[in-house]
């Protein structure tokens, strides 16, 4: 059964999502120039830095 199914499987990245396995709608939402998949791949320190900066800017805008 696996051999028959393997004939129909393609091992290349999807040209629409570039292998991120998310719909175009999900990938169109960005924060600081990064889409959902790119944000998930960030190290926690970098992720934290991005949100700390955004929080600082947001708080400054409220004042």
N, C-alpha and C. Protein backbone atom coordinates (compact mmCIF):
# COMPACT_ATOMS: atom_id res chain seq x y z
N UNK A 1 0.82 -1.20 0.00
CA UNK A 1 0.00 0.00 0.00
C UNK A 1 0.87 1.27 0.00
N UNK A 2 1.95 1.29 0.80
CA UNK A 2 2.81 2.46 0.86
C UNK A 2 3.46 2.75 -0.49
N UNK A 3 3.84 1.69 -1.19
CA UNK A 3 4.48 1.88 -2.49
C UNK A 3 3.51 2.49 -3.49
N UNK A 4 2.26 2.06 -3.46
CA UNK A 4 1.27 2.62 -4.37
C UNK A 4 1.01 4.09 -4.04
N UNK A 5 0.90 4.41 -2.77
CA UNK A 5 0.65 5.80 -2.36
C UNK A 5 1.85 6.68 -2.67
N UNK A 6 3.04 6.14 -2.55
CA UNK A 6 4.26 6.91 -2.79
C UNK A 6 4.34 7.43 -4.22
N UNK A 7 3.70 6.75 -5.14
CA UNK A 7 3.72 7.20 -6.54
C UNK A 7 3.05 8.56 -6.70
N UNK A 8 2.11 8.88 -5.82
CA UNK A 8 1.36 10.12 -5.93
C UNK A 8 1.88 11.23 -5.03
N UNK A 9 2.87 10.93 -4.26
CA UNK A 9 3.42 11.93 -3.34
C UNK A 9 4.54 12.71 -4.02
N UNK A 10 4.58 14.01 -3.74
CA UNK A 10 5.59 14.88 -4.32
C UNK A 10 6.45 15.40 -3.17
N UNK A 11 7.75 15.35 -3.34
CA UNK A 11 8.65 15.76 -2.25
C UNK A 11 9.22 17.17 -2.46
N UNK A 12 8.51 18.01 -3.19
CA UNK A 12 8.97 19.38 -3.38
C UNK A 12 8.08 20.33 -2.58
N UNK A 13 8.61 21.50 -2.30
CA UNK A 13 7.87 22.50 -1.52
C UNK A 13 6.75 23.09 -2.37
N UNK A 14 5.65 23.38 -1.73
CA UNK A 14 4.51 24.00 -2.40
C UNK A 14 4.92 25.40 -2.87
N UNK A 15 4.64 25.75 -4.11
CA UNK A 15 5.03 27.08 -4.60
C UNK A 15 4.21 28.22 -3.96
N UNK A 16 3.03 27.92 -3.45
CA UNK A 16 2.20 28.97 -2.85
C UNK A 16 2.65 29.32 -1.44
N UNK A 17 2.93 28.30 -0.63
CA UNK A 17 3.30 28.57 0.77
C UNK A 17 4.80 28.37 1.02
N UNK A 18 5.53 27.97 0.00
CA UNK A 18 6.98 27.75 0.09
C UNK A 18 7.33 26.72 1.17
N UNK A 19 6.47 25.71 1.31
CA UNK A 19 6.73 24.64 2.26
C UNK A 19 6.35 24.95 3.69
N UNK A 20 5.69 26.07 3.93
CA UNK A 20 5.33 26.46 5.30
C UNK A 20 4.08 25.75 5.80
N UNK A 21 3.34 25.13 4.90
CA UNK A 21 2.14 24.34 5.21
C UNK A 21 1.03 25.17 5.85
N UNK A 22 0.92 26.41 5.41
CA UNK A 22 -0.16 27.28 5.87
C UNK A 22 -0.86 27.88 4.66
N UNK A 23 -2.11 28.22 4.84
CA UNK A 23 -2.87 28.85 3.77
C UNK A 23 -2.34 30.25 3.49
N UNK A 24 -2.61 30.69 2.28
CA UNK A 24 -2.18 32.02 1.87
C UNK A 24 -2.74 33.10 2.79
N UNK A 25 -3.98 32.90 3.26
CA UNK A 25 -4.61 33.87 4.15
C UNK A 25 -3.83 34.01 5.45
N UNK A 26 -3.37 32.89 5.99
CA UNK A 26 -2.61 32.92 7.24
C UNK A 26 -1.26 33.59 7.04
N UNK A 27 -0.63 33.32 5.92
CA UNK A 27 0.69 33.88 5.66
C UNK A 27 0.64 35.36 5.30
N UNK A 28 -0.55 35.86 4.94
CA UNK A 28 -0.66 37.28 4.58
C UNK A 28 -0.64 38.17 5.81
N UNK A 29 -0.89 37.62 6.99
CA UNK A 29 -0.85 38.40 8.23
C UNK A 29 0.60 38.45 8.70
N UNK A 30 1.13 39.65 8.87
CA UNK A 30 2.52 39.80 9.29
C UNK A 30 2.63 40.72 10.50
N UNK A 31 3.71 40.57 11.21
CA UNK A 31 4.04 41.45 12.33
C UNK A 31 5.53 41.70 12.25
N UNK A 32 5.90 42.97 12.19
CA UNK A 32 7.31 43.35 12.04
C UNK A 32 7.93 42.69 10.80
N UNK A 33 7.13 42.52 9.76
CA UNK A 33 7.62 41.97 8.51
C UNK A 33 7.74 40.45 8.48
N UNK A 34 7.31 39.77 9.53
CA UNK A 34 7.41 38.31 9.61
C UNK A 34 6.02 37.69 9.59
N UNK A 35 5.86 36.61 8.82
CA UNK A 35 4.58 35.92 8.84
C UNK A 35 4.54 34.91 9.98
N UNK A 36 3.43 34.24 10.11
CA UNK A 36 3.18 33.32 11.22
C UNK A 36 4.25 32.23 11.29
N UNK A 37 4.58 31.63 10.17
CA UNK A 37 5.57 30.56 10.15
C UNK A 37 6.97 31.06 10.52
N UNK A 38 7.32 32.24 10.03
CA UNK A 38 8.63 32.80 10.35
C UNK A 38 8.74 33.15 11.84
N UNK A 39 7.65 33.65 12.41
CA UNK A 39 7.65 33.97 13.84
C UNK A 39 7.85 32.70 14.67
N UNK A 40 7.23 31.61 14.24
CA UNK A 40 7.36 30.35 14.97
C UNK A 40 8.77 29.78 14.94
N UNK A 41 9.53 30.12 13.92
CA UNK A 41 10.90 29.61 13.79
C UNK A 41 11.93 30.44 14.56
N UNK A 42 11.52 31.59 15.06
CA UNK A 42 12.47 32.47 15.76
C UNK A 42 12.89 31.86 17.10
N UNK A 43 14.14 32.07 17.49
CA UNK A 43 14.54 31.71 18.86
C UNK A 43 13.75 32.58 19.84
N UNK A 44 13.48 32.07 21.01
CA UNK A 44 12.67 32.78 22.00
C UNK A 44 13.24 34.15 22.34
N UNK A 45 14.56 34.27 22.40
CA UNK A 45 15.18 35.56 22.73
C UNK A 45 14.84 36.61 21.67
N UNK A 46 14.92 36.24 20.40
CA UNK A 46 14.60 37.17 19.32
C UNK A 46 13.11 37.50 19.31
N UNK A 47 12.28 36.48 19.53
CA UNK A 47 10.84 36.66 19.61
C UNK A 47 10.50 37.66 20.72
N UNK A 48 11.12 37.49 21.86
CA UNK A 48 10.90 38.37 23.01
C UNK A 48 11.36 39.79 22.70
N UNK A 49 12.49 39.93 22.03
CA UNK A 49 13.00 41.26 21.67
C UNK A 49 12.01 42.00 20.76
N UNK A 50 11.45 41.30 19.80
CA UNK A 50 10.50 41.92 18.87
C UNK A 50 9.28 42.42 19.62
N UNK A 51 8.73 41.59 20.50
CA UNK A 51 7.54 42.00 21.23
C UNK A 51 7.84 43.04 22.29
N UNK A 52 9.00 43.02 22.87
CA UNK A 52 9.38 44.05 23.85
C UNK A 52 9.46 45.40 23.16
N UNK A 53 10.06 45.44 21.99
CA UNK A 53 10.16 46.69 21.23
C UNK A 53 8.77 47.18 20.84
N UNK A 54 7.94 46.28 20.36
CA UNK A 54 6.57 46.67 19.97
C UNK A 54 5.79 47.20 21.15
N UNK A 55 5.94 46.56 22.30
CA UNK A 55 5.25 47.01 23.51
C UNK A 55 5.73 48.38 23.93
N UNK A 56 7.03 48.61 23.86
CA UNK A 56 7.60 49.92 24.20
C UNK A 56 7.06 51.00 23.28
N UNK A 57 7.02 50.71 21.99
CA UNK A 57 6.50 51.68 21.02
C UNK A 57 5.02 51.96 21.24
N UNK A 58 4.27 50.92 21.56
CA UNK A 58 2.83 51.07 21.82
C UNK A 58 2.59 51.93 23.05
N UNK A 59 3.36 51.67 24.10
CA UNK A 59 3.20 52.44 25.34
C UNK A 59 3.59 53.90 25.11
N UNK A 60 4.63 54.15 24.32
CA UNK A 60 5.07 55.51 24.04
C UNK A 60 4.01 56.25 23.24
N UNK A 61 3.33 55.54 22.35
CA UNK A 61 2.29 56.17 21.53
C UNK A 61 1.07 56.55 22.37
N UNK A 62 0.84 55.84 23.43
CA UNK A 62 -0.31 56.14 24.29
C UNK A 62 -0.09 57.38 25.15
N UNK A 63 1.15 57.71 25.41
CA UNK A 63 1.46 58.88 26.26
C UNK A 63 1.33 60.18 25.55
